[in-house]
Amino acid sequence: MAVLDVEIVAADHFVWSGEAKMVKARTSDGEIGILAGHSPLLAIMAPGELVIDPVDGSRITADVDGGFFSVDSNRVVIVADNAQLRDGVSATAGTR
């Protein structure tokens, strides 16, 4: 099964990285879901909720204050102005 290699960073700190089945975010054009094999993309993120379904473990949700994300060759890089994980997930929970 193909997976996404995901990395989330905020302007001033590391947030999370790991393998995921799906990433969902709100963009300036609306909500988007990313699965493995998605075509390359660069998008501006709108403030709101970012959802990650990791390969192992529970769904991860973060609040973001905008930024951008890129998708290329099953790699998703999210650079947020500010991002905070919800539900007590630590920054190292999904790291490799």
C-alpha atoms as a PDB file:
ATOM      1  CA  MET A   1       0.000   0.000   0.000  1.00  0.00           C
ATOM      2  CA  ALA A   2       1.356   3.412  -0.952  1.00  0.00           C
ATOM      3  CA  VAL A   3       1.491   5.956   1.856  1.00  0.00           C
ATOM      4  CA  LEU A   4       2.155   9.653   2.246  1.00  0.00           C
ATOM      5  CA  ASP A   5       5.272  10.981   3.917  1.00  0.00           C
ATOM      6  CA  VAL A   6       3.942  13.967   5.894  1.00  0.00           C
ATOM      7  CA  GLU A   7       5.798  16.773   7.648  1.00  0.00           C
ATOM      8  CA  ILE A   8       4.160  19.676   9.479  1.00  0.00           C
ATOM      9  CA  VAL A   9       6.121  22.683  10.666  1.00  0.00           C
ATOM     10  CA  ALA A  10       5.006  26.027  12.039  1.00  0.00           C
ATOM     11  CA  ALA A  11       6.861  29.286  11.602  1.00  0.00           C
ATOM     12  CA  ASP A  12       8.756  28.780  14.861  1.00  0.00           C
ATOM     13  CA  HIS A  13       8.541  25.060  15.748  1.00  0.00           C
ATOM     14  CA  PHE A  14       8.305  21.484  14.500  1.00  0.00           C
ATOM     15  CA  VAL A  15       4.786  20.039  14.787  1.00  0.00           C
ATOM     16  CA  TRP A  16       4.623  16.439  13.480  1.00  0.00           C
ATOM     17  CA  SER A  17       5.982  14.034  10.870  1.00  0.00           C
ATOM     18  CA  GLY A  18       5.185  10.479   9.904  1.00  0.00           C
ATOM     19  CA  GLU A  19       3.478   8.228   7.390  1.00  0.00           C
ATOM     20  CA  ALA A  20      -0.199   8.754   6.660  1.00  0.00           C
ATOM     21  CA  LYS A  21      -3.014   7.340   4.571  1.00  0.00           C
ATOM     22  CA  MET A  22      -4.765  10.698   4.105  1.00  0.00           C
ATOM     23  CA  VAL A  23      -4.349  14.418   4.777  1.00  0.00           C
ATOM     24  CA  LYS A  24      -7.289  16.826   4.717  1.00  0.00           C
ATOM     25  CA  ALA A  25      -7.022  20.626   4.893  1.00  0.00           C
ATOM     26  CA  ARG A  26      -8.926  23.792   4.098  1.00  0.00           C
ATOM     27  CA  THR A  27      -7.449  25.878   1.295  1.00  0.00           C
ATOM     28  CA  SER A  28      -8.311  29.311  -0.005  1.00  0.00           C
ATOM     29  CA  ASP A  29     -10.408  27.498  -2.668  1.00  0.00           C
ATOM     30  CA  GLY A  30     -12.142  25.036  -0.315  1.00  0.00           C
ATOM     31  CA  GLU A  31     -11.444  21.759   1.454  1.00  0.00           C
ATOM     32  CA  ILE A  32      -9.081  19.217  -0.101  1.00  0.00           C
ATOM     33  CA  GLY A  33      -8.165  15.623   0.694  1.00  0.00           C
ATOM     34  CA  ILE A  34      -4.809  14.147  -0.304  1.00  0.00           C
ATOM     35  CA  LEU A  35      -4.246  10.411  -0.826  1.00  0.00           C
ATOM     36  CA  ALA A  36      -1.171   8.565  -2.078  1.00  0.00           C
ATOM     37  CA  GLY A  37      -0.681   9.099  -5.805  1.00  0.00           C
ATOM     38  CA  HIS A  38      -2.117  12.632  -5.792  1.00  0.00           C
ATOM     39  CA  SER A  39      -0.798  14.867  -8.547  1.00  0.00           C
ATOM     40  CA  PRO A  40       1.722  17.573  -7.559  1.00  0.00           C
ATOM     41  CA  LEU A  41       0.081  20.553  -5.894  1.00  0.00           C
ATOM     42  CA  LEU A  42       0.962  23.781  -4.128  1.00  0.00           C
ATOM     43  CA  ALA A  43      -1.894  25.416  -2.224  1.00  0.00           C
ATOM     44  CA  ILE A  44      -2.495  28.248   0.228  1.00  0.00           C
ATOM     45  CA  MET A  45      -4.030  26.978   3.454  1.00  0.00           C
ATOM     46  CA  ALA A  46      -6.868  28.860   5.078  1.00  0.00           C
ATOM     47  CA  PRO A  47      -7.170  29.005   8.863  1.00  0.00           C
ATOM     48  CA  GLY A  48      -8.988  25.970  10.212  1.00  0.00           C
ATOM     49  CA  GLU A  49      -8.645  22.286  10.876  1.00  0.00           C
ATOM     50  CA  LEU A  50      -5.966  19.988   9.462  1.00  0.00           C
ATOM     51  CA  VAL A  51      -6.698  16.239   9.692  1.00  0.00           C
ATOM     52  CA  ILE A  52      -4.190  13.410   9.266  1.00  0.00           C
ATOM     53  CA  ASP A  53      -4.995   9.697   9.204  1.00  0.00           C
ATOM     54  CA  PRO A  54      -1.649   8.122  10.120  1.00  0.00           C
ATOM     55  CA  VAL A  55      -0.742   4.620   8.990  1.00  0.00           C
ATOM     56  CA  ASP A  56      -0.495   3.597  12.662  1.00  0.00           C
ATOM     57  CA  GLY A  57      -2.495   5.123  15.478  1.00  0.00           C
ATOM     58  CA  SER A  58      -5.459   7.423  15.872  1.00  0.00           C
ATOM     59  CA  ARG A  59      -6.498  10.333  13.686  1.00  0.00           C
ATOM     60  CA  ILE A  60      -4.494  13.506  14.325  1.00  0.00           C
ATOM     61  CA  THR A  61      -6.149  16.910  14.245  1.00  0.00           C
ATOM     62  CA  ALA A  62      -4.405  20.272  14.339  1.00  0.00           C
ATOM     63  CA  ASP A  63      -5.620  23.845  14.326  1.00  0.00           C
ATOM     64  CA  VAL A  64      -3.716  25.968  11.801  1.00  0.00           C
ATOM     65  CA  ASP A  65      -3.691  29.719  11.248  1.00  0.00           C
ATOM     66  CA  GLY A  66      -2.980  29.551   7.530  1.00  0.00           C
ATOM     67  CA  GLY A  67       0.178  28.854   5.548  1.00  0.00           C
ATOM     68  CA  PHE A  68       0.726  26.577   2.579  1.00  0.00           C
ATOM     69  CA  PHE A  69       1.185  22.942   1.712  1.00  0.00           C
ATOM     70  CA  SER A  70       2.815  21.110  -1.131  1.00  0.00           C
ATOM     71  CA  VAL A  71       2.310  17.621  -2.505  1.00  0.00           C
ATOM     72  CA  ASP A  72       4.853  15.862  -4.721  1.00  0.00           C
ATOM     73  CA  SER A  73       5.749  12.177  -5.111  1.00  0.00           C
ATOM     74  CA  ASN A  74       3.674  11.095  -2.076  1.00  0.00           C
ATOM     75  CA  ARG A  75       5.405  13.694   0.115  1.00  0.00           C
ATOM     76  CA  VAL A  76       3.240  16.321   1.827  1.00  0.00           C
ATOM     77  CA  VAL A  77       4.947  19.315   3.419  1.00  0.00           C
ATOM     78  CA  ILE A  78       2.757  21.650   5.452  1.00  0.00           C
ATOM     79  CA  VAL A  79       4.177  24.997   6.529  1.00  0.00           C
ATOM     80  CA  ALA A  80       1.733  26.754   8.832  1.00  0.00           C
ATOM     81  CA  ASP A  81       1.885  30.266  10.218  1.00  0.00           C
ATOM     82  CA  ASN A  82       0.952  28.621  13.525  1.00  0.00           C
ATOM     83  CA  ALA A  83      -0.194  25.056  14.264  1.00  0.00           C
ATOM     84  CA  GLN A  84      -1.305  23.338  17.448  1.00  0.00           C
ATOM     85  CA  LEU A  85      -2.066  19.619  17.761  1.00  0.00           C
ATOM     86  CA  ARG A  86      -5.322  18.728  19.522  1.00  0.00           C
ATOM     87  CA  ASP A  87      -6.266  15.942  21.913  1.00  0.00           C
ATOM     88  CA  GLY A  88      -2.975  15.649  23.745  1.00  0.00           C
ATOM     89  CA  VAL A  89      -0.975  14.359  20.772  1.00  0.00           C
ATOM     90  CA  SER A  90       2.671  15.215  21.277  1.00  0.00           C
ATOM     91  CA  ALA A  91       4.954  16.543  18.576  1.00  0.00           C
ATOM     92  CA  THR A  92       6.965  13.324  18.706  1.00  0.00           C
ATOM     93  CA  ALA A  93       4.007  10.923  18.569  1.00  0.00           C
ATOM     94  CA  GLY A  94       4.223  10.367  14.840  1.00  0.00           C
ATOM     95  CA  THR A  95       7.860  11.088  14.204  1.00  0.00           C
ATOM     96  CA  ARG A  96      10.135   8.567  12.626  1.00  0.00           C
END
